Amino acid sequence: MLATVSNSSPASDQSELVAQGKALYLDKKKGNCVACHMSSDPDAKLAGIQGPPLLAMKQRYPDIKQLRAQIWDPTIRNPKATMPPFGRHWILSEKQIDAIVAYVHQL
């Protein structure tokens, strides 16, 4: 039996995931995170100020699982959260949430 060889490296896979996350972050029909959150990304024009700024995310969320949980359902930590529970309400798929988490965590 022959082994399958992948042409992609873990670093390129991560870069692709981050790029997908950025697209979702900016997409007004999907994540649309930019509607409520300001970030350091120069492509995030007309960013909102309702949510907290997405800055220094690795320091704020050293455990990336906590960031994912926050995006999945922010009402667990704050029942009065205005951010939609993207995972619990199936607004975004698991893969889309993983991509947004990868992008936001590197901000």
PDB file of N, CA and C in Angstrom:
ATOM      1  N   MET A   1       0.845  -1.174   0.000  1.00  0.00           N
ATOM      2  CA  MET A   1       0.000   0.000   0.000  1.00  0.00           C
ATOM      3  C   MET A   1       0.894   1.242   0.000  1.00  0.00           C
ATOM      4  N   LEU A   2       0.581   2.224  -0.834  1.00  0.00           N
ATOM      5  CA  LEU A   2       1.369   3.443  -0.924  1.00  0.00           C
ATOM      6  C   LEU A   2       0.811   4.479   0.033  1.00  0.00           C
ATOM      7  N   ALA A   3       1.708   5.221   0.626  1.00  0.00           N
ATOM      8  CA  ALA A   3       1.295   6.309   1.508  1.00  0.00           C
ATOM      9  C   ALA A   3       0.975   7.533   0.664  1.00  0.00           C
ATOM     10  N   THR A   4      -0.017   8.290   1.079  1.00  0.00           N
ATOM     11  CA  THR A   4      -0.370   9.513   0.393  1.00  0.00           C
ATOM     12  C   THR A   4       0.515  10.629   0.913  1.00  0.00           C
ATOM     13  N   VAL A   5       1.089  11.391   0.016  1.00  0.00           N
ATOM     14  CA  VAL A   5       1.957  12.495   0.389  1.00  0.00           C
ATOM     15  C   VAL A   5       1.199  13.788   0.167  1.00  0.00           C
ATOM     16  N   SER A   6       1.182  14.626   1.178  1.00  0.00           N
ATOM     17  CA  SER A   6       0.513  15.918   1.085  1.00  0.00           C
ATOM     18  C   SER A   6       1.507  16.977   0.650  1.00  0.00           C
ATOM     19  N   ASN A   7       1.070  17.875  -0.208  1.00  0.00           N
ATOM     20  CA  ASN A   7       1.929  18.958  -0.662  1.00  0.00           C
ATOM     21  C   ASN A   7       1.884  20.152   0.276  1.00  0.00           C
ATOM     22  N   SER A   8       1.002  20.122   1.256  1.00  0.00           N
ATOM     23  CA  SER A   8       0.882  21.257   2.152  1.00  0.00           C
ATOM     24  C   SER A   8       1.580  20.966   3.471  1.00  0.00           C
ATOM     25  N   SER A   9       2.071  22.018   4.083  1.00  0.00           N
ATOM     26  CA  SER A   9       2.721  21.904   5.383  1.00  0.00           C
ATOM     27  C   SER A   9       1.761  22.417   6.441  1.00  0.00           C
ATOM     28  N   PRO A  10       2.009  22.086   7.702  1.00  0.00           N
ATOM     29  CA  PRO A  10       1.146  22.622   8.765  1.00  0.00           C
ATOM     30  C   PRO A  10       1.104  24.150   8.755  1.00  0.00           C
ATOM     31  N   ALA A  11       2.231  24.798   8.441  1.00  0.00           N
ATOM     32  CA  ALA A  11       2.263  26.265   8.396  1.00  0.00           C
ATOM     33  C   ALA A  11       1.384  26.799   7.275  1.00  0.00           C
ATOM     34  N   SER A  12       1.432  26.165   6.092  1.00  0.00           N
ATOM     35  CA  SER A  12       0.601  26.646   4.986  1.00  0.00           C
ATOM     36  C   SER A  12      -0.870  26.343   5.254  1.00  0.00           C
ATOM     37  N   ASP A  13      -1.150  25.210   5.914  1.00  0.00           N
ATOM     38  CA  ASP A  13      -2.534  24.908   6.294  1.00  0.00           C
ATOM     39  C   ASP A  13      -3.066  25.968   7.253  1.00  0.00           C
ATOM     40  N   GLN A  14      -2.235  26.376   8.224  1.00  0.00           N
ATOM     41  CA  GLN A  14      -2.636  27.407   9.191  1.00  0.00           C
ATOM     42  C   GLN A  14      -2.841  28.742   8.489  1.00  0.00           C
ATOM     43  N   SER A  15      -1.962  29.086   7.541  1.00  0.00           N
ATOM     44  CA  SER A  15      -2.103  30.339   6.794  1.00  0.00           C
ATOM     45  C   SER A  15      -3.407  30.351   6.008  1.00  0.00           C
ATOM     46  N   GLU A  16      -3.746  29.214   5.424  1.00  0.00           N
ATOM     47  CA  GLU A  16      -4.991  29.117   4.674  1.00  0.00           C
ATOM     48  C   GLU A  16      -6.200  29.252   5.605  1.00  0.00           C
ATOM     49  N   LEU A  17      -6.127  28.650   6.773  1.00  0.00           N
ATOM     50  CA  LEU A  17      -7.210  28.745   7.749  1.00  0.00           C
ATOM     51  C   LEU A  17      -7.391  30.189   8.210  1.00  0.00           C
ATOM     52  N   VAL A  18      -6.284  30.880   8.465  1.00  0.00           N
ATOM     53  CA  VAL A  18      -6.333  32.292   8.864  1.00  0.00           C
ATOM     54  C   VAL A  18      -6.951  33.132   7.751  1.00  0.00           C
ATOM     55  N   ALA A  19      -6.575  32.879   6.501  1.00  0.00           N
ATOM     56  CA  ALA A  19      -7.140  33.622   5.370  1.00  0.00           C
ATOM     57  C   ALA A  19      -8.640  33.385   5.250  1.00  0.00           C
ATOM     58  N   GLN A  20      -9.074  32.151   5.445  1.00  0.00           N
ATOM     59  CA  GLN A  20     -10.507  31.845   5.422  1.00  0.00           C
ATOM     60  C   GLN A  20     -11.220  32.573   6.565  1.00  0.00           C
ATOM     61  N   GLY A  21     -10.586  32.591   7.729  1.00  0.00           N
ATOM     62  CA  GLY A  21     -11.165  33.281   8.884  1.00  0.00           C
ATOM     63  C   GLY A  21     -11.307  34.768   8.652  1.00  0.00           C
ATOM     64  N   LYS A  22     -10.296  35.362   8.025  1.00  0.00           N
ATOM     65  CA  LYS A  22     -10.353  36.792   7.721  1.00  0.00           C
ATOM     66  C   LYS A  22     -11.508  37.088   6.770  1.00  0.00           C
ATOM     67  N   ALA A  23     -11.662  36.254   5.758  1.00  0.00           N
ATOM     68  CA  ALA A  23     -12.757  36.451   4.799  1.00  0.00           C
ATOM     69  C   ALA A  23     -14.110  36.383   5.512  1.00  0.00           C
ATOM     70  N   LEU A  24     -14.264  35.435   6.419  1.00  0.00           N
ATOM     71  CA  LEU A  24     -15.513  35.319   7.179  1.00  0.00           C
ATOM     72  C   LEU A  24     -15.701  36.508   8.117  1.00  0.00           C
ATOM     73  N   TYR A  25     -14.621  36.930   8.737  1.00  0.00           N
ATOM     74  CA  TYR A  25     -14.641  38.077   9.651  1.00  0.00           C
ATOM     75  C   TYR A  25     -15.184  39.321   8.949  1.00  0.00           C
ATOM     76  N   LEU A  26     -14.790  39.496   7.695  1.00  0.00           N
ATOM     77  CA  LEU A  26     -15.182  40.679   6.928  1.00  0.00           C
ATOM     78  C   LEU A  26     -16.484  40.495   6.151  1.00  0.00           C
ATOM     79  N   ASP A  27     -16.930  39.273   5.956  1.00  0.00           N
ATOM     80  CA  ASP A  27     -18.094  38.968   5.123  1.00  0.00           C
ATOM     81  C   ASP A  27     -19.395  39.358   5.817  1.00  0.00           C
ATOM     82  N   LYS A  28     -20.094  40.306   5.230  1.00  0.00           N
ATOM     83  CA  LYS A  28     -21.341  40.792   5.830  1.00  0.00           C
ATOM     84  C   LYS A  28     -22.464  39.753   5.821  1.00  0.00           C
ATOM     85  N   LYS A  29     -22.319  38.689   5.033  1.00  0.00           N
ATOM     86  CA  LYS A  29     -23.344  37.649   4.977  1.00  0.00           C
ATOM     87  C   LYS A  29     -23.002  36.457   5.858  1.00  0.00           C
ATOM     88  N   LYS A  30     -21.845  36.435   6.448  1.00  0.00           N
ATOM     89  CA  LYS A  30     -21.416  35.303   7.276  1.00  0.00           C
ATOM     90  C   LYS A  30     -21.105  35.800   8.681  1.00  0.00           C
ATOM     91  N   GLY A  31     -19.821  35.804   9.043  1.00  0.00           N
ATOM     92  CA  GLY A  31     -19.428  36.198  10.390  1.00  0.00           C
ATOM     93  C   GLY A  31     -19.762  37.652  10.690  1.00  0.00           C
ATOM     94  N   ASN A  32     -19.369  38.530   9.780  1.00  0.00           N
ATOM     95  CA  ASN A  32     -19.593  39.964   9.904  1.00  0.00           C
ATOM     96  C   ASN A  32     -19.124  40.505  11.249  1.00  0.00           C
ATOM     97  N   CYS A  33     -18.039  39.968  11.744  1.00  0.00           N
ATOM     98  CA  CYS A  33     -17.489  40.405  13.027  1.00  0.00           C
ATOM     99  C   CYS A  33     -17.139  41.889  13.003  1.00  0.00           C
ATOM    100  N   VAL A  34     -16.720  42.367  11.830  1.00  0.00           N
ATOM    101  CA  VAL A  34     -16.295  43.751  11.689  1.00  0.00           C
ATOM    102  C   VAL A  34     -17.443  44.730  11.954  1.00  0.00           C
ATOM    103  N   ALA A  35     -18.671  44.275  11.896  1.00  0.00           N
ATOM    104  CA  ALA A  35     -19.804  45.159  12.178  1.00  0.00           C
ATOM    105  C   ALA A  35     -19.800  45.632  13.631  1.00  0.00           C
ATOM    106  N   CYS A  36     -19.246  44.818  14.524  1.00  0.00           N
ATOM    107  CA  CYS A  36     -19.263  45.151  15.952  1.00  0.00           C
ATOM    108  C   CYS A  36     -17.887  45.324  16.571  1.00  0.00           C
ATOM    109  N   HIS A  37     -16.846  44.753  15.936  1.00  0.00           N
ATOM    110  CA  HIS A  37     -15.516  44.750  16.543  1.00  0.00           C
ATOM    111  C   HIS A  37     -14.498  45.505  15.707  1.00  0.00           C
ATOM    112  N   MET A  38     -13.710  46.321  16.370  1.00  0.00           N
ATOM    113  CA  MET A  38     -12.566  46.973  15.761  1.00  0.00           C
ATOM    114  C   MET A  38     -11.376  46.041  15.912  1.00  0.00           C
ATOM    115  N   SER A  39     -10.493  46.040  14.914  1.00  0.00           N
ATOM    116  CA  SER A  39      -9.285  45.229  15.007  1.00  0.00           C
ATOM    117  C   SER A  39      -8.118  46.011  14.408  1.00  0.00           C
ATOM    118  N   SER A  40      -6.946  45.413  14.484  1.00  0.00           N
ATOM    119  CA  SER A  40      -5.754  46.045  13.925  1.00  0.00           C
ATOM    120  C   SER A  40      -5.604  45.791  12.431  1.00  0.00           C
ATOM    121  N   ASP A  41      -6.509  45.036  11.835  1.00  0.00           N
ATOM    122  CA  ASP A  41      -6.429  44.703  10.415  1.00  0.00           C
ATOM    123  C   ASP A  41      -6.830  45.914   9.577  1.00  0.00           C
ATOM    124  N   PRO A  42      -5.946  46.391   8.692  1.00  0.00           N
ATOM    125  CA  PRO A  42      -6.277  47.563   7.871  1.00  0.00           C
ATOM    126  C   PRO A  42      -7.428  47.314   6.893  1.00  0.00           C
ATOM    127  N   ASP A  43      -7.752  46.062   6.613  1.00  0.00           N
ATOM    128  CA  ASP A  43      -8.873  45.759   5.721  1.00  0.00           C
ATOM    129  C   ASP A  43     -10.221  45.858   6.429  1.00  0.00           C
ATOM    130  N   ALA A  44     -10.213  45.984   7.728  1.00  0.00           N
ATOM    131  CA  ALA A  44     -11.448  46.053   8.513  1.00  0.00           C
ATOM    132  C   ALA A  44     -11.917  47.507   8.578  1.00  0.00           C
ATOM    133  N   LYS A  45     -12.460  47.962   7.465  1.00  0.00           N
ATOM    134  CA  LYS A  45     -12.922  49.350   7.374  1.00  0.00           C
ATOM    135  C   LYS A  45     -14.328  49.476   7.963  1.00  0.00           C
ATOM    136  N   LEU A  46     -14.623  50.650   8.480  1.00  0.00           N
ATOM    137  CA  LEU A  46     -15.922  50.939   9.083  1.00  0.00           C
ATOM    138  C   LEU A  46     -16.264  49.938  10.190  1.00  0.00           C
ATOM    139  N   ALA A  47     -15.279  49.630  10.997  1.00  0.00           N
ATOM    140  CA  ALA A  47     -15.488  48.675  12.088  1.00  0.00           C
ATOM    141  C   ALA A  47     -16.402  49.267  13.144  1.00  0.00           C
ATOM    142  N   GLY A  48     -17.170  48.397  13.755  1.00  0.00           N
ATOM    143  CA  GLY A  48     -18.078  48.806  14.810  1.00  0.00           C
ATOM    144  C   GLY A  48     -17.370  48.942  16.142  1.00  0.00           C
ATOM    145  N   ILE A  49     -18.100  49.510  17.096  1.00  0.00           N
ATOM    146  CA  ILE A  49     -17.542  49.686  18.430  1.00  0.00           C
ATOM    147  C   ILE A  49     -18.433  49.074  19.512  1.00  0.00           C
ATOM    148  N   GLN A  50     -19.436  48.319  19.117  1.00  0.00           N
ATOM    149  CA  GLN A  50     -20.330  47.719  20.106  1.00  0.00           C
ATOM    150  C   GLN A  50     -19.631  46.618  20.893  1.00  0.00           C
ATOM    151  N   GLY A  51     -18.856  45.799  20.212  1.00  0.00           N
ATOM    152  CA  GLY A  51     -18.123  44.722  20.883  1.00  0.00           C
ATOM    153  C   GLY A  51     -16.738  45.200  21.271  1.00  0.00           C
ATOM    154  N   PRO A  52     -16.048  44.425  22.091  1.00  0.00           N
ATOM    155  CA  PRO A  52     -14.695  44.828  22.479  1.00  0.00           C
ATOM    156  C   PRO A  52     -13.748  44.778  21.281  1.00  0.00           C
ATOM    157  N   PRO A  53     -12.721  45.631  21.282  1.00  0.00           N
ATOM    158  CA  PRO A  53     -11.752  45.588  20.187  1.00  0.00           C
ATOM    159  C   PRO A  53     -10.999  44.259  20.206  1.00  0.00           C
ATOM    160  N   LEU A  54     -10.719  43.746  19.033  1.00  0.00           N
ATOM    161  CA  LEU A  54     -10.013  42.476  18.909  1.00  0.00           C
ATOM    162  C   LEU A  54      -8.524  42.764  18.738  1.00  0.00           C
ATOM    163  N   LEU A  55      -7.889  43.029  19.844  1.00  0.00           N
ATOM    164  CA  LEU A  55      -6.475  43.376  19.894  1.00  0.00           C
ATOM    165  C   LEU A  55      -5.798  42.506  20.953  1.00  0.00           C
ATOM    166  N   ALA A  56      -4.555  42.166  20.729  1.00  0.00           N
ATOM    167  CA  ALA A  56      -3.765  41.373  21.684  1.00  0.00           C
ATOM    168  C   ALA A  56      -4.514  40.108  22.096  1.00  0.00           C
ATOM    169  N   MET A  57      -5.065  39.422  21.123  1.00  0.00           N
ATOM    170  CA  MET A  57      -5.924  38.276  21.418  1.00  0.00           C
ATOM    171  C   MET A  57      -5.167  37.084  22.018  1.00  0.00           C
ATOM    172  N   LYS A  58      -3.925  36.892  21.643  1.00  0.00           N
ATOM    173  CA  LYS A  58      -3.150  35.791  22.243  1.00  0.00           C
ATOM    174  C   LYS A  58      -2.924  36.035  23.729  1.00  0.00           C
ATOM    175  N   GLN A  59      -2.773  37.297  24.110  1.00  0.00           N
ATOM    176  CA  GLN A  59      -2.612  37.618  25.526  1.00  0.00           C
ATOM    177  C   GLN A  59      -3.949  37.515  26.262  1.00  0.00           C
ATOM    178  N   ARG A  60      -5.014  37.946  25.612  1.00  0.00           N
ATOM    179  CA  ARG A  60      -6.334  37.899  26.243  1.00  0.00           C
ATOM    180  C   ARG A  60      -6.880  36.486  26.327  1.00  0.00           C
ATOM    181  N   TYR A  61      -6.538  35.667  25.336  1.00  0.00           N
ATOM    182  CA  TYR A  61      -6.997  34.276  25.286  1.00  0.00           C
ATOM    183  C   TYR A  61      -5.795  33.360  25.063  1.00  0.00           C
ATOM    184  N   PRO A  62      -4.955  33.167  26.092  1.00  0.00           N
ATOM    185  CA  PRO A  62      -3.815  32.274  25.911  1.00  0.00           C
ATOM    186  C   PRO A  62      -4.248  30.849  25.584  1.00  0.00           C
ATOM    187  N   ASP A  63      -5.410  30.460  26.058  1.00  0.00           N
ATOM    188  CA  ASP A  63      -5.981  29.157  25.709  1.00  0.00           C
ATOM    189  C   ASP A  63      -6.987  29.385  24.585  1.00  0.00           C
ATOM    190  N   ILE A  64      -6.607  28.994  23.378  1.00  0.00           N
ATOM    191  CA  ILE A  64      -7.437  29.237  22.196  1.00  0.00           C
ATOM    192  C   ILE A  64      -8.819  28.578  22.320  1.00  0.00           C
ATOM    193  N   LYS A  65      -8.932  27.553  23.132  1.00  0.00           N
ATOM    194  CA  LYS A  65     -10.223  26.890  23.339  1.00  0.00           C
ATOM    195  C   LYS A  65     -11.228  27.823  23.998  1.00  0.00           C
ATOM    196  N   GLN A  66     -10.749  28.723  24.847  1.00  0.00           N
ATOM    197  CA  GLN A  66     -11.656  29.690  25.479  1.00  0.00           C
ATOM    198  C   GLN A  66     -12.184  30.696  24.453  1.00  0.00           C
ATOM    199  N   LEU A  67     -11.329  31.097  23.527  1.00  0.00           N
ATOM    200  CA  LEU A  67     -11.772  31.996  22.454  1.00  0.00           C
ATOM    201  C   LEU A  67     -12.819  31.306  21.589  1.00  0.00           C
ATOM    202  N   ARG A  68     -12.575  30.058  21.266  1.00  0.00           N
ATOM    203  CA  ARG A  68     -13.534  29.306  20.456  1.00  0.00           C
ATOM    204  C   ARG A  68     -14.872  29.180  21.178  1.00  0.00           C
ATOM    205  N   ALA A  69     -14.819  28.902  22.470  1.00  0.00           N
ATOM    206  CA  ALA A  69     -16.048  28.788  23.265  1.00  0.00           C
ATOM    207  C   ALA A  69     -16.805  30.113  23.272  1.00  0.00           C
ATOM    208  N   GLN A  70     -16.074  31.222  23.319  1.00  0.00           N
ATOM    209  CA  GLN A  70     -16.710  32.545  23.314  1.00  0.00           C
ATOM    210  C   GLN A  70     -17.424  32.803  21.990  1.00  0.00           C
ATOM    211  N   ILE A  71     -16.816  32.407  20.891  1.00  0.00           N
ATOM    212  CA  ILE A  71     -17.444  32.590  19.588  1.00  0.00           C
ATOM    213  C   ILE A  71     -18.594  31.598  19.409  1.00  0.00           C
ATOM    214  N   TRP A  72     -18.415  30.386  19.885  1.00  0.00           N
ATOM    215  CA  TRP A  72     -19.458  29.367  19.776  1.00  0.00           C
ATOM    216  C   TRP A  72     -20.737  29.835  20.466  1.00  0.00           C
ATOM    217  N   ASP A  73     -20.611  30.306  21.724  1.00  0.00           N
ATOM    218  CA  ASP A  73     -21.777  30.773  22.470  1.00  0.00           C
ATOM    219  C   ASP A  73     -21.348  31.721  23.584  1.00  0.00           C
ATOM    220  N   PRO A  74     -21.329  33.032  23.307  1.00  0.00           N
ATOM    221  CA  PRO A  74     -20.903  34.000  24.316  1.00  0.00           C
ATOM    222  C   PRO A  74     -21.858  34.110  25.503  1.00  0.00           C
ATOM    223  N   THR A  75     -23.075  33.614  25.357  1.00  0.00           N
ATOM    224  CA  THR A  75     -24.036  33.718  26.462  1.00  0.00           C
ATOM    225  C   THR A  75     -23.706  32.772  27.612  1.00  0.00           C
ATOM    226  N   ILE A  76     -22.788  31.838  27.396  1.00  0.00           N
ATOM    227  CA  ILE A  76     -22.384  30.966  28.505  1.00  0.00           C
ATOM    228  C   ILE A  76     -21.649  31.787  29.556  1.00  0.00           C
ATOM    229  N   ARG A  77     -20.750  32.651  29.128  1.00  0.00           N
ATOM    230  CA  ARG A  77     -20.009  33.510  30.071  1.00  0.00           C
ATOM    231  C   ARG A  77     -20.792  34.747  30.463  1.00  0.00           C
ATOM    232  N   ASN A  78     -21.646  35.216  29.565  1.00  0.00           N
ATOM    233  CA  ASN A  78     -22.420  36.419  29.827  1.00  0.00           C
ATOM    234  C   ASN A  78     -23.822  36.247  29.242  1.00  0.00           C
ATOM    235  N   PRO A  79     -24.802  35.884  30.068  1.00  0.00           N
ATOM    236  CA  PRO A  79     -26.154  35.653  29.558  1.00  0.00           C
ATOM    237  C   PRO A  79     -26.769  36.856  28.836  1.00  0.00           C
ATOM    238  N   LYS A  80     -26.245  38.054  29.075  1.00  0.00           N
ATOM    239  CA  LYS A  80     -26.770  39.260  28.436  1.00  0.00           C
ATOM    240  C   LYS A  80     -25.945  39.681  27.222  1.00  0.00           C
ATOM    241  N   ALA A  81     -25.082  38.815  26.751  1.00  0.00           N
ATOM    242  CA  ALA A  81     -24.235  39.139  25.602  1.00  0.00           C
ATOM    243  C   ALA A  81     -25.091  39.481  24.383  1.00  0.00           C
ATOM    244  N   THR A  82     -24.651  40.485  23.651  1.00  0.00           N
ATOM    245  CA  THR A  82     -25.358  40.862  22.421  1.00  0.00           C
ATOM    246  C   THR A  82     -24.798  40.137  21.200  1.00  0.00           C
ATOM    247  N   MET A  83     -23.629  39.527  21.354  1.00  0.00           N
ATOM    248  CA  MET A  83     -23.029  38.775  20.250  1.00  0.00           C
ATOM    249  C   MET A  83     -23.836  37.507  20.012  1.00  0.00           C
ATOM    250  N   PRO A  84     -24.158  37.220  18.764  1.00  0.00           N
ATOM    251  CA  PRO A  84     -24.926  35.998  18.492  1.00  0.00           C
ATOM    252  C   PRO A  84     -24.116  34.746  18.813  1.00  0.00           C
ATOM    253  N   PRO A  85     -24.776  33.707  19.290  1.00  0.00           N
ATOM    254  CA  PRO A  85     -24.096  32.426  19.514  1.00  0.00           C
ATOM    255  C   PRO A  85     -23.934  31.699  18.175  1.00  0.00           C
ATOM    256  N   PHE A  86     -22.849  31.995  17.484  1.00  0.00           N
ATOM    257  CA  PHE A  86     -22.634  31.515  16.121  1.00  0.00           C
ATOM    258  C   PHE A  86     -22.682  29.995  15.999  1.00  0.00           C
ATOM    259  N   GLY A  87     -22.205  29.295  16.980  1.00  0.00           N
ATOM    260  CA  GLY A  87     -22.216  27.835  16.931  1.00  0.00           C
ATOM    261  C   GLY A  87     -23.534  27.253  17.386  1.00  0.00           C
ATOM    262  N   ARG A  88     -23.987  27.689  18.540  1.00  0.00           N
ATOM    263  CA  ARG A  88     -25.220  27.141  19.112  1.00  0.00           C
ATOM    264  C   ARG A  88     -26.408  27.342  18.174  1.00  0.00           C
ATOM    265  N   HIS A  89     -26.444  28.454  17.485  1.00  0.00           N
ATOM    266  CA  HIS A  89     -27.551  28.736  16.556  1.00  0.00           C
ATOM    267  C   HIS A  89     -27.249  28.297  15.127  1.00  0.00           C
ATOM    268  N   TRP A  90     -26.130  27.632  14.917  1.00  0.00           N
ATOM    269  CA  TRP A  90     -25.723  27.117  13.600  1.00  0.00           C
ATOM    270  C   TRP A  90     -25.671  28.215  12.534  1.00  0.00           C
ATOM    271  N   ILE A  91     -25.236  29.403  12.968  1.00  0.00           N
ATOM    272  CA  ILE A  91     -25.030  30.506  12.032  1.00  0.00           C
ATOM    273  C   ILE A  91     -23.800  30.218  11.182  1.00  0.00           C
ATOM    274  N   LEU A  92     -22.785  29.636  11.834  1.00  0.00           N
ATOM    275  CA  LEU A  92     -21.552  29.245  11.162  1.00  0.00           C
ATOM    276  C   LEU A  92     -21.287  27.775  11.436  1.00  0.00           C
ATOM    277  N   SER A  93     -20.629  27.125  10.495  1.00  0.00           N
ATOM    278  CA  SER A  93     -20.269  25.719  10.670  1.00  0.00           C
ATOM    279  C   SER A  93     -19.072  25.599  11.620  1.00  0.00           C
ATOM    280  N   GLU A  94     -18.788  24.394  12.039  1.00  0.00           N
ATOM    281  CA  GLU A  94     -17.619  24.130  12.885  1.00  0.00           C
ATOM    282  C   GLU A  94     -16.340  24.613  12.189  1.00  0.00           C
ATOM    283  N   LYS A  95     -16.204  24.291  10.901  1.00  0.00           N
ATOM    284  CA  LYS A  95     -15.006  24.693  10.150  1.00  0.00           C
ATOM    285  C   LYS A  95     -14.906  26.211  10.039  1.00  0.00           C
ATOM    286  N   GLN A  96     -16.031  26.879   9.844  1.00  0.00           N
ATOM    287  CA  GLN A  96     -16.017  28.338   9.754  1.00  0.00           C
ATOM    288  C   GLN A  96     -15.627  28.957  11.095  1.00  0.00           C
ATOM    289  N   ILE A  97     -16.129  28.407  12.173  1.00  0.00           N
ATOM    290  CA  ILE A  97     -15.760  28.914  13.496  1.00  0.00           C
ATOM    291  C   ILE A  97     -14.269  28.693  13.736  1.00  0.00           C
ATOM    292  N   ASP A  98     -13.761  27.522  13.381  1.00  0.00           N
ATOM    293  CA  ASP A  98     -12.328  27.259  13.538  1.00  0.00           C
ATOM    294  C   ASP A  98     -11.496  28.264  12.746  1.00  0.00           C
ATOM    295  N   ALA A  99     -11.948  28.608  11.552  1.00  0.00           N
ATOM    296  CA  ALA A  99     -11.226  29.579  10.727  1.00  0.00           C
ATOM    297  C   ALA A  99     -11.246  30.963  11.367  1.00  0.00           C
ATOM    298  N   ILE A 100     -12.382  31.399  11.853  1.00  0.00           N
ATOM    299  CA  ILE A 100     -12.469  32.712  12.510  1.00  0.00           C
ATOM    300  C   ILE A 100     -11.606  32.730  13.760  1.00  0.00           C
ATOM    301  N   VAL A 101     -11.634  31.660  14.523  1.00  0.00           N
ATOM    302  CA  VAL A 101     -10.807  31.575  15.723  1.00  0.00           C
ATOM    303  C   VAL A 101      -9.326  31.704  15.351  1.00  0.00           C
ATOM    304  N   ALA A 102      -8.900  31.010  14.314  1.00  0.00           N
ATOM    305  CA  ALA A 102      -7.503  31.080  13.880  1.00  0.00           C
ATOM    306  C   ALA A 102      -7.133  32.512  13.490  1.00  0.00           C
ATOM    307  N   TYR A 103      -8.016  33.185  12.784  1.00  0.00           N
ATOM    308  CA  TYR A 103      -7.750  34.569  12.368  1.00  0.00           C
ATOM    309  C   TYR A 103      -7.747  35.512  13.560  1.00  0.00           C
ATOM    310  N   VAL A 104      -8.788  35.469  14.360  1.00  0.00           N
ATOM    311  CA  VAL A 104      -8.915  36.407  15.487  1.00  0.00           C
ATOM    312  C   VAL A 104      -7.793  36.196  16.499  1.00  0.00           C
ATOM    313  N   HIS A 105      -7.409  34.969  16.726  1.00  0.00           N
ATOM    314  CA  HIS A 105      -6.378  34.698  17.738  1.00  0.00           C
ATOM    315  C   HIS A 105      -5.037  35.312  17.357  1.00  0.00           C
ATOM    316  N   GLN A 106      -4.772  35.483  16.080  1.00  0.00           N
ATOM    317  CA  GLN A 106      -3.490  36.072  15.681  1.00  0.00           C
ATOM    318  C   GLN A 106      -3.515  37.610  15.641  1.00  0.00           C
ATOM    319  N   LEU A 107      -4.660  38.203  15.898  1.00  0.00           N
ATOM    320  CA  LEU A 107      -4.739  39.681  15.907  1.00  0.00           C
ATOM    321  C   LEU A 107      -4.040  40.247  17.123  1.00  0.00           C
TER     322      LEU A 107
END
